[in-house]
C-alpha cells in the first residue's frame, strides 16, 4: 500500500427542494377502498372530523377487498380514520381519500407510483433500501418503512445512534454505536450482538456474514459477524489496513467489497475479498494516479460485476490481469480502464449513479461543474442500457434549492422511478445534515 499525504477533498454536489423541518413530512393523503356502492376504509374526510366508515355491501361497479387500516399519523390533522373492510365489488382499485390518520388501502393492488417527497427531517440519512413494500430508511435515530404513497408503515426508534446499515434482500442489519441488530424487511426486531468497535460502514456477503468497518483509517480492522446465528457472533478479524477509505459497498454476485478514500488526493478504489473463514482480505487498489476520479458515485454493470462505472462514465475492469495482492500500486491489475459508457455530453457529469446489477444503470446527470449548484437549472434522470451504451429513457427534473449532499441513488423497479437520498445542509462539514428522500420518474 502506497503511503501518501492526505489532502481533504470535498466532492460536493448541490441539489434539493424546499421542505419543512418537521420530523416527517408526508404530502399524500390516506386512501380509501370502495366496497360496492358504499365507501369503506375512508380515513376521515381531509383528515378532519374523525368519521368511522361502515362496511360496503355488495355491488359490482367499484370495490376492493382490502380497506385502509388505521395506522400512525403521517401528516394528517385530526380524525381517527378508522376503517372497516368492504366486502363486495369487482376488485377495481379504490379512489384516493383526503389526508388523515388512516393508512391508505391497497384497492386493487396497484402501486401508487407518482413521484413525490417520501420523507424528510432533521436527522442524518444513513442508508436506504427499496423493497416491494416501499423504502426502508435507516436514519440516525430510527428505522422507518415508508410506502410509495409517503405513508409511514412502521417506525422503529433506537436508543443509541445508528451508524451503519446493510441489506441483502431479506436480512437487514442495523449497526448502532454499540451493537448490531438483525431485523426483517418488515422491521421486526431479531437478535443482537455487542460490537468490538463502532461500525460506520458495513456490507453483507454470502452466508449472512456482516463485515463491520470502524471509523478510523489508520490500522483499520474489519470485524466479520455471522448474523445468521442466534445470537449473532463475531467470526473473524482482518489484518490492519491503512489509508484505504471508510465507505464500503459490496460487489454484486461476489464475496468482495470496495472502499473509497474520500479524504486523500488522489483518491482510489480498494478491493477486498471475504474468504471462507470470514476474514476480509485486501486484494489491491486502483492504479496510483490512475487518471480518473475515485468517488462514492459509481455503479456496476452486472452480477457478478465485471466493471465499475465511475462518475465520468469510465468503465473500470475490476478484475484485470494480475489483480492480486502481489502487484504494486502503480500496476495493480485492478480497476483498469476498459471502455466508456459514452452517454455524457460535453460539460455534463454524473452526480448520482445506481444499477440493477443486470445491465442497466440509472443516472442523475448535471450540466456544469459539480461545485457550482449543478442542478440549479434541473438535472436529467436517465435509464441507460450498458450493453448498447444508449439512454433508453430520460426526464428532466428541476431542483428549486441548493443543498450540499452526497447524492444517494437507488432504482425502484416496481414503479420505474429513482429514489434519491440527500442532505439538506448547506454546510458540507456539519455533523447534523437533515435529509430528504424523494422519488423521481425517468
Protein backbone atom coordinates (compact mmCIF):
# COMPACT_ATOMS: atom_id res chain seq x y z
CA UNK A 1 0.00 0.00 0.00
CA UNK A 2 1.49 3.33 -1.01
CA UNK A 3 1.75 5.98 1.71
CA UNK A 4 0.71 9.43 0.59
CA UNK A 5 -0.06 12.75 2.20
CA UNK A 6 -3.79 13.28 2.69
CA UNK A 7 -5.49 16.33 1.35
CA UNK A 8 -9.08 16.87 2.28
CA UNK A 9 -11.21 16.60 -0.78
CA UNK A 10 -14.83 17.67 -0.53
CA UNK A 11 -16.70 16.32 -3.50
CA UNK A 12 -19.86 18.30 -3.23
CA UNK A 13 -22.99 18.16 -5.26
CA UNK A 14 -25.82 20.64 -4.99
CA UNK A 15 -29.44 19.63 -5.27
CA UNK A 16 -32.67 19.81 -3.36
CA UNK A 17 -36.16 21.11 -2.99
CA UNK A 18 -37.61 23.31 -0.32
CA UNK A 19 -39.04 21.30 2.56
CA UNK A 20 -40.16 21.72 6.12
CA UNK A 21 -38.14 20.90 9.17
CA UNK A 22 -40.68 18.51 10.70
CA UNK A 23 -39.50 15.03 11.54
CA UNK A 24 -41.70 13.53 8.84
CA UNK A 25 -43.39 15.40 6.07
CA UNK A 26 -45.82 13.37 4.03
CA UNK A 27 -47.92 15.10 1.41
CA UNK A 28 -50.02 12.13 0.28
CA UNK A 29 -53.43 11.59 1.81
CA UNK A 30 -54.77 8.38 3.26
CA UNK A 31 -56.52 6.20 0.69
CA UNK A 32 -59.88 4.50 0.76
CA UNK A 33 -61.21 1.37 -0.81
CA UNK A 34 -64.73 1.16 -2.15
CA UNK A 35 -66.87 -1.80 -1.15
CA UNK A 36 -69.79 -1.94 -3.58
CA UNK A 37 -71.56 1.37 -3.78
CA UNK A 38 -70.62 2.39 -0.25
CA UNK A 39 -67.13 3.75 0.50
CA UNK A 40 -65.24 1.85 3.12
CA UNK A 41 -61.79 2.30 4.58
CA UNK A 42 -62.12 6.10 4.38
CA UNK A 43 -59.55 7.79 6.61
CA UNK A 44 -61.68 10.79 7.58
CA UNK A 45 -62.52 13.48 5.04
CA UNK A 46 -59.38 15.56 4.58
CA UNK A 47 -58.18 14.24 7.90
CA UNK A 48 -60.87 16.12 9.79
CA UNK A 49 -63.96 15.05 11.64
CA UNK A 50 -62.88 11.58 12.65
CA UNK A 51 -65.50 9.63 10.70
CA UNK A 52 -65.74 5.91 11.17
CA UNK A 53 -66.76 4.36 7.88
CA UNK A 54 -69.16 1.47 7.57
CA UNK A 55 -68.53 -1.66 5.57
CA UNK A 56 -69.62 -1.67 1.93
CA UNK A 57 -72.09 -4.33 0.98
CA UNK A 58 -72.41 -5.82 -2.48
CA UNK A 59 -72.32 -4.02 -5.78
CA UNK A 60 -70.02 -4.65 -8.74
CA UNK A 61 -69.10 -1.24 -10.08
CA UNK A 62 -66.33 -0.29 -7.68
CA UNK A 63 -64.78 -2.38 -4.97
CA UNK A 64 -61.76 -3.69 -3.25
CA UNK A 65 -61.37 -6.40 -0.72
CA UNK A 66 -58.89 -4.56 1.44
CA UNK A 67 -59.71 -1.39 3.32
CA UNK A 68 -57.23 1.13 4.62
CA UNK A 69 -56.16 0.12 8.09
CA UNK A 70 -55.78 2.67 10.82
CA UNK A 71 -52.12 3.50 11.30
CA UNK A 72 -49.73 6.01 12.80
CA UNK A 73 -50.12 9.61 11.80
CA UNK A 74 -48.08 10.68 8.81
CA UNK A 75 -49.04 14.29 8.28
CA UNK A 76 -52.82 14.09 8.78
CA UNK A 77 -54.59 16.54 11.03
CA UNK A 78 -57.38 15.27 13.23
CA UNK A 79 -59.77 12.41 12.63
CA UNK A 80 -59.29 8.86 13.76
CA UNK A 81 -59.67 7.47 10.28
CA UNK A 82 -60.66 4.02 11.42
CA UNK A 83 -61.75 1.70 8.62
CA UNK A 84 -63.95 -1.31 8.14
CA UNK A 85 -63.26 -3.65 5.24
CA UNK A 86 -65.63 -3.59 2.26
CA UNK A 87 -66.93 -6.94 1.22
CA UNK A 88 -68.32 -6.73 -2.29
CA UNK A 89 -67.07 -5.24 -5.50
CA UNK A 90 -65.24 -6.38 -8.57
CA UNK A 91 -61.69 -5.66 -7.27
CA UNK A 92 -61.39 -2.33 -9.03
CA UNK A 93 -58.87 -0.06 -7.35
CA UNK A 94 -60.31 2.23 -4.68
CA UNK A 95 -60.19 6.00 -5.08
CA UNK A 96 -57.99 8.31 -3.07
CA UNK A 97 -59.34 9.98 0.04
CA UNK A 98 -58.22 13.11 1.84
CA UNK A 99 -55.31 13.29 4.23
CA UNK A 100 -55.92 11.60 7.55
CA UNK A 101 -54.51 9.27 10.16
CA UNK A 102 -55.54 6.09 8.36
CA UNK A 103 -53.01 4.42 6.06
CA UNK A 104 -54.42 4.07 2.54
CA UNK A 105 -55.84 0.73 1.44
CA UNK A 106 -54.38 -1.20 -1.46
CA UNK A 107 -57.51 -1.09 -3.65
CA UNK A 108 -56.89 -3.49 -6.50
CA UNK A 109 -53.21 -3.87 -5.55
CA UNK A 110 -51.86 -1.18 -7.93
CA UNK A 111 -48.83 0.67 -6.53
CA UNK A 112 -49.03 4.44 -6.19
CA UNK A 113 -46.04 5.37 -8.32
CA UNK A 114 -46.47 9.13 -8.53
CA UNK A 115 -43.10 10.86 -7.95
CA UNK A 116 -43.13 12.68 -4.64
CA UNK A 117 -41.33 13.60 -1.46
CA UNK A 118 -41.36 10.40 0.59
CA UNK A 119 -39.77 11.51 3.84
CA UNK A 120 -37.72 14.35 5.28
CA UNK A 121 -36.47 15.51 8.66
CA UNK A 122 -33.57 16.93 10.67
CA UNK A 123 -31.73 13.62 11.10
CA UNK A 124 -28.87 12.16 9.10
CA UNK A 125 -29.85 9.61 6.46
CA UNK A 126 -27.52 6.63 7.00
CA UNK A 127 -28.78 4.33 4.22
CA UNK A 128 -31.98 3.32 2.46
CA UNK A 129 -33.18 0.29 0.54
CA UNK A 130 -36.05 -0.05 -1.97
CA UNK A 131 -38.30 -3.06 -1.28
CA UNK A 132 -41.65 -4.28 -2.58
CA UNK A 133 -43.49 -2.51 0.23
CA UNK A 134 -41.75 0.83 -0.35
CA UNK A 135 -38.47 2.12 1.08
CA UNK A 136 -36.62 1.18 4.25
CA UNK A 137 -34.79 4.25 5.57
CA UNK A 138 -32.16 3.99 8.29
CA UNK A 139 -31.91 7.38 10.00
CA UNK A 140 -29.54 8.15 12.85
CA UNK A 141 -32.29 7.66 15.45
CA UNK A 142 -34.75 5.17 13.93
CA UNK A 143 -35.55 2.81 11.06
CA UNK A 144 -38.64 3.62 9.00
CA UNK A 145 -40.60 1.65 6.39
CA UNK A 146 -42.30 4.20 4.16
CA UNK A 147 -44.82 3.40 1.44
CA UNK A 148 -44.63 4.80 -2.07
CA UNK A 149 -47.61 6.97 -1.16
CA UNK A 150 -45.46 8.64 1.55
CA UNK A 151 -47.38 6.96 4.35
CA UNK A 152 -45.32 5.56 7.21
CA UNK A 153 -45.94 1.82 7.51
CA UNK A 154 -43.69 1.24 10.52
CA UNK A 155 -41.16 3.22 12.54
CA UNK A 156 -38.72 1.62 15.00
CA UNK A 157 -36.77 4.04 17.24
CA UNK A 158 -33.28 3.21 18.50
CA UNK A 159 -31.93 4.34 21.86
CA UNK A 160 -28.38 4.70 20.53
CA UNK A 161 -27.20 6.49 17.40
CA UNK A 162 -27.44 4.38 14.24
CA UNK A 163 -24.15 4.46 12.35
CA UNK A 164 -24.42 1.89 9.52
CA UNK A 165 -26.88 -0.42 7.77
CA UNK A 166 -26.79 -3.26 5.24
CA UNK A 167 -29.49 -5.28 3.47
CA UNK A 168 -29.33 -8.36 1.24
CA UNK A 169 -32.97 -8.52 0.18
CA UNK A 170 -34.19 -10.47 3.21
CA UNK A 171 -31.93 -9.66 6.17
CA UNK A 172 -31.47 -6.10 7.44
CA UNK A 173 -28.55 -5.36 9.76
CA UNK A 174 -28.59 -2.11 11.72
CA UNK A 175 -25.40 -1.05 13.49
CA UNK A 176 -25.63 1.50 16.27
CA UNK A 177 -22.81 2.86 18.39
CA UNK A 178 -22.53 -0.31 20.48
CA UNK A 179 -24.49 -3.13 18.88
CA UNK A 180 -25.62 -4.95 15.74
CA UNK A 181 -29.34 -5.67 15.47
CA UNK A 182 -30.80 -8.08 12.92
CA UNK A 183 -34.21 -7.13 11.51
CA UNK A 184 -36.59 -8.45 8.87
CA UNK A 185 -37.68 -6.42 5.87
CA UNK A 186 -40.92 -5.76 7.78
CA UNK A 187 -38.76 -4.22 10.56
CA UNK A 188 -39.39 -6.98 13.06
CA UNK A 189 -36.54 -6.91 15.57
CA UNK A 190 -34.39 -10.02 15.82
CA UNK A 191 -31.27 -10.96 17.78
CA UNK A 192 -28.38 -8.59 18.51
CA UNK A 193 -24.72 -8.65 19.50
CA UNK A 194 -22.37 -6.09 21.04
CA UNK A 195 -19.59 -4.98 18.68
CA UNK A 196 -15.85 -4.67 19.29
CA UNK A 197 -15.73 -1.25 17.58
CA UNK A 198 -18.48 1.02 16.32
CA UNK A 199 -19.26 0.31 12.66
CA UNK A 200 -19.50 3.39 10.47
CA UNK A 201 -19.92 1.28 7.33
CA UNK A 202 -20.66 -2.35 6.62
CA UNK A 203 -21.62 -4.90 3.98
CA UNK A 204 -23.46 -8.22 3.89
CA UNK A 205 -21.89 -11.07 1.91
CA UNK A 206 -22.93 -14.69 1.40
CA UNK A 207 -23.74 -16.87 4.39
CA UNK A 208 -25.34 -13.98 6.32
CA UNK A 209 -21.92 -12.54 7.14
CA UNK A 210 -21.76 -8.85 8.03
CA UNK A 211 -18.41 -7.09 7.69
CA UNK A 212 -18.10 -4.10 10.02
CA UNK A 213 -15.73 -1.23 9.22
CA UNK A 214 -14.88 1.22 12.05
CA UNK A 215 -14.31 4.95 11.62
CA UNK A 216 -10.54 5.10 11.76
CA UNK A 217 -8.48 4.83 8.58
CA UNK A 218 -5.26 4.12 10.45
CA UNK A 219 -4.52 0.43 11.02
CA UNK A 220 -8.19 -0.21 10.34
CA UNK A 221 -9.54 -3.65 11.22
CA UNK A 222 -12.61 -5.27 9.68
CA UNK A 223 -14.75 -7.38 12.01
CA UNK A 224 -16.94 -10.10 10.49
CA UNK A 225 -20.09 -11.31 12.25
CA UNK A 226 -22.30 -14.29 11.49
CA UNK A 227 -25.70 -12.59 11.69
CA UNK A 228 -27.50 -15.81 10.76
CA UNK A 229 -26.55 -17.26 14.14
CA UNK A 230 -28.78 -16.69 17.16
CA UNK A 231 -27.41 -14.66 18.74
CA UNK A 232 -25.02 -13.26 16.09
CA UNK A 233 -21.36 -13.98 16.75
CA UNK A 234 -18.05 -12.44 15.65
CA UNK A 235 -16.20 -14.98 13.48
CA UNK A 236 -13.16 -13.15 12.08
CA UNK A 237 -10.91 -10.08 12.30
CA UNK A 238 -8.82 -8.78 9.40
CA UNK A 239 -5.21 -7.67 9.34
CA UNK A 240 -4.77 -3.91 9.86
CA UNK A 241 -5.11 -1.76 6.73
CA UNK A 242 -4.22 1.91 6.41
CA UNK A 243 -5.48 4.74 4.16
CA UNK A 244 -7.97 2.56 2.31
CA UNK A 245 -11.05 4.70 2.93
CA UNK A 246 -14.08 4.12 5.14
CA UNK A 247 -17.19 3.86 2.83
CA UNK A 248 -17.86 0.21 1.90
CA UNK A 249 -20.03 -1.27 -0.88
CA UNK A 250 -20.44 -4.92 -1.88
CA UNK A 251 -19.56 -6.12 -5.38
CA UNK A 252 -22.74 -7.83 -6.71
CA UNK A 253 -22.56 -11.57 -7.14
CA UNK A 254 -19.31 -11.95 -5.17
CA UNK A 255 -17.98 -12.02 -1.63
CA UNK A 256 -15.96 -8.88 -2.36
CA UNK A 257 -16.41 -5.25 -1.38
CA UNK A 258 -14.90 -1.91 -2.35
CA UNK A 259 -13.81 1.04 -0.25
CA UNK A 260 -13.01 4.56 -1.44
CA UNK A 261 -10.57 7.06 0.03
CA UNK A 262 -12.59 10.26 0.35
CA UNK A 263 -10.08 12.31 2.34
CA UNK A 264 -6.92 11.86 0.27
CA UNK A 265 -5.62 13.23 -3.01
CA UNK A 266 -5.58 11.32 -5.24
CA UNK A 267 -8.43 9.09 -4.11
CA UNK A 268 -8.52 5.41 -5.01
CA UNK A 269 -10.78 2.39 -5.15
CA UNK A 270 -9.71 -0.52 -2.92
CA UNK A 271 -10.80 -4.13 -3.39
CA UNK A 272 -11.29 -6.71 -0.61
CA UNK A 273 -12.36 -10.35 -0.54
CA UNK A 274 -14.14 -12.10 2.34
CA UNK A 275 -12.64 -15.60 2.48
CA UNK A 276 -14.27 -18.81 3.67
CA UNK A 277 -13.28 -18.10 7.28
CA UNK A 278 -14.99 -14.71 7.16
CA UNK A 279 -11.77 -12.70 7.16
CA UNK A 280 -11.67 -9.58 4.99
CA UNK A 281 -8.51 -9.82 2.88
CA UNK A 282 -7.11 -6.86 0.96
CA UNK A 283 -6.57 -7.56 -2.77
CA UNK A 284 -5.33 -4.26 -4.21
CA UNK A 285 -6.26 -0.74 -5.28
CA UNK A 286 -6.81 1.19 -8.48
CA UNK A 287 -3.57 2.28 -10.16
CA UNK A 288 -1.85 5.09 -8.27
CA UNK A 289 -2.63 8.39 -10.02
CA UNK A 290 -4.96 6.37 -12.22
CA UNK A 291 -6.05 9.43 -14.23
CA UNK A 292 -9.69 9.15 -13.18
CA UNK A 293 -11.82 10.27 -10.25
CA UNK A 294 -12.48 7.77 -7.48
CA UNK A 295 -15.56 8.88 -5.54
CA UNK A 296 -18.56 7.28 -3.88
CA UNK A 297 -20.59 7.98 -7.05
CA UNK A 298 -20.33 4.74 -9.04
CA UNK A 299 -22.37 1.81 -10.34
CA UNK A 300 -21.85 -1.77 -11.51
CA UNK A 301 -22.55 -3.39 -14.87
CA UNK A 302 -23.90 -6.81 -13.89
CA UNK A 303 -23.97 -9.59 -11.31
CA UNK A 304 -21.36 -10.91 -10.88
CA UNK A 305 -19.95 -7.48 -11.64
CA UNK A 306 -17.14 -7.20 -14.15
CA UNK A 307 -16.91 -3.41 -14.34
CA UNK A 308 -17.26 -0.43 -12.03
CA UNK A 309 -18.66 2.66 -13.79
CA UNK A 310 -17.28 5.82 -12.21
CA UNK A 311 -18.54 9.42 -12.16
CA UNK A 312 -17.21 10.36 -15.61
CA UNK A 313 -18.60 7.22 -17.24
CA UNK A 314 -15.34 5.29 -17.43
CA UNK A 315 -15.81 1.53 -17.25
CA UNK A 316 -13.13 0.11 -14.99
CA UNK A 317 -12.44 -3.62 -15.21
CA UNK A 318 -12.48 -4.68 -11.58
CA UNK A 319 -10.55 -7.92 -12.02
CA UNK A 320 -7.88 -7.23 -14.62
CA UNK A 321 -4.82 -9.34 -15.36
CA UNK A 322 -2.75 -9.71 -12.23
CA UNK A 323 -5.36 -8.22 -9.90
CA UNK A 324 -3.92 -9.58 -6.68
CA UNK A 325 -2.01 -8.53 -3.60
CA UNK A 326 1.42 -9.19 -5.13
CA UNK A 327 1.21 -6.33 -7.63
CA UNK A 328 2.46 -2.85 -6.68
CA UNK A 329 0.19 0.16 -6.52
CA UNK A 330 1.42 1.59 -9.85
CA UNK A 331 0.40 -1.55 -11.77
CA UNK A 332 -2.21 -3.31 -9.67
CA UNK A 333 -4.19 -5.12 -12.34
CA UNK A 334 -7.39 -3.96 -10.63
CA UNK A 335 -9.79 -1.22 -11.81
CA UNK A 336 -8.27 -0.96 -15.29
CA UNK A 337 -9.81 1.32 -17.95
CA UNK A 338 -11.90 -0.85 -20.24
CA UNK A 339 -14.37 1.32 -22.12
CA UNK A 340 -16.68 4.28 -21.63
CA UNK A 341 -20.42 4.36 -21.02
CA UNK A 342 -20.43 7.21 -23.53
CA UNK A 343 -23.77 8.87 -22.80
CA UNK A 344 -22.44 12.10 -21.27
CA UNK A 345 -22.22 15.20 -23.43
CA UNK A 346 -19.63 17.95 -23.16
CA UNK A 347 -19.87 19.71 -19.80
CA UNK A 348 -22.05 17.02 -18.22
CA UNK A 349 -21.24 14.83 -15.25
CA UNK A 350 -22.93 12.13 -13.18
CA UNK A 351 -23.95 13.39 -9.74
CA UNK A 352 -25.85 10.19 -8.97
CA UNK A 353 -25.37 6.60 -10.18
CA UNK A 354 -27.10 3.32 -9.37
CA UNK A 355 -27.71 -0.01 -11.09
CA UNK A 356 -29.95 -3.06 -11.10
CA UNK A 357 -26.97 -5.47 -11.28
CA UNK A 358 -28.44 -6.72 -14.57
CA UNK A 359 -27.08 -4.40 -17.24
CA UNK A 360 -28.98 -1.19 -16.52
CA UNK A 361 -27.53 1.97 -15.00
CA UNK A 362 -29.64 4.76 -13.50
CA UNK A 363 -28.04 8.19 -13.63
CA UNK A 364 -28.64 11.74 -12.45
CA UNK A 365 -26.85 13.98 -14.92
CA UNK A 366 -25.90 17.60 -14.32
CA UNK A 367 -24.62 20.19 -16.77
CA UNK A 368 -21.73 22.27 -15.47
CA UNK A 369 -19.36 21.98 -12.54
CA UNK A 370 -20.38 19.80 -9.60
CA UNK A 371 -19.03 22.58 -7.36
CA UNK A 372 -21.44 25.19 -8.75
CA UNK A 373 -25.02 24.13 -7.99
CA UNK A 374 -25.06 21.53 -10.76
CA UNK A 375 -28.84 21.08 -10.73
CA UNK A 376 -29.80 24.75 -10.46
CA UNK A 377 -31.28 24.50 -13.98
CA UNK A 378 -32.52 20.97 -13.46
CA UNK A 379 -30.94 17.55 -13.81
CA UNK A 380 -31.63 14.75 -16.26
CA UNK A 381 -32.78 11.41 -14.84
CA UNK A 382 -31.71 8.64 -17.19
CA UNK A 383 -32.09 4.90 -17.65
CA UNK A 384 -29.04 3.60 -19.56
CA UNK A 385 -28.51 0.24 -21.22
CA UNK A 386 -24.89 -0.78 -20.61
CA UNK A 387 -24.65 -3.29 -23.47
CA UNK A 388 -25.66 -0.79 -26.17
CA UNK A 389 -24.33 2.32 -24.36
CA UNK A 390 -27.60 4.14 -25.01
CA UNK A 391 -30.09 6.18 -22.99
CA UNK A 392 -33.38 4.28 -23.12
CA UNK A 393 -35.44 6.73 -21.07
CA UNK A 394 -34.92 10.28 -19.78
CA UNK A 395 -36.76 13.09 -17.98
CA UNK A 396 -35.64 16.49 -16.78
CA UNK A 397 -36.46 17.49 -13.21
CA UNK A 398 -35.79 20.87 -11.57
CA UNK A 399 -34.38 21.35 -8.11
CA UNK A 400 -35.50 24.60 -6.57
CA UNK A 401 -32.94 24.87 -3.77
CA UNK A 402 -29.19 24.45 -3.43
CA UNK A 403 -28.28 21.76 -0.93
CA UNK A 404 -24.87 20.21 -0.48
CA UNK A 405 -25.02 16.47 -0.18
CA UNK A 406 -23.50 13.18 -1.22
CA UNK A 407 -26.33 12.10 -3.54
CA UNK A 408 -27.55 8.58 -2.80
CA UNK A 409 -29.40 6.93 -5.68
CA UNK A 410 -31.39 3.70 -5.99
CA UNK A 411 -33.76 2.35 -8.66
CA UNK A 412 -37.36 1.46 -7.88
CA UNK A 413 -38.16 -1.22 -10.47
CA UNK A 414 -41.76 -1.59 -9.29
CA UNK A 415 -42.53 1.97 -10.35
CA UNK A 416 -39.85 2.78 -12.94
CA UNK A 417 -38.67 5.54 -10.61
CA UNK A 418 -35.43 6.53 -8.96
CA UNK A 419 -35.30 7.19 -5.23
CA UNK A 420 -32.83 9.86 -4.18
CA UNK A 421 -31.49 10.49 -0.69
CA UNK A 422 -29.84 13.80 0.01
CA UNK A 423 -28.63 16.00 2.80
CA UNK A 424 -30.38 19.33 3.21
CA UNK A 425 -27.49 21.04 4.98
CA UNK A 426 -25.75 23.90 3.24
CA UNK A 427 -22.63 23.13 5.27
CA UNK A 428 -20.88 20.01 3.92
CA UNK A 429 -18.85 19.66 7.13
CA UNK A 430 -21.80 19.93 9.52
CA UNK A 431 -22.44 16.97 11.82
CA UNK A 432 -26.23 17.29 11.61
CA UNK A 433 -27.28 17.31 7.97
CA UNK A 434 -31.04 16.97 7.69
CA UNK A 435 -32.30 14.87 4.81
CA UNK A 436 -34.82 14.40 2.00
CA UNK A 437 -35.89 11.10 0.50
CA UNK A 438 -37.68 11.65 -2.79
CA UNK A 439 -38.80 9.65 -5.83
CA UNK A 440 -38.44 10.83 -9.43
CA UNK A 441 -39.58 9.28 -12.68
CA UNK A 442 -37.40 8.92 -15.74
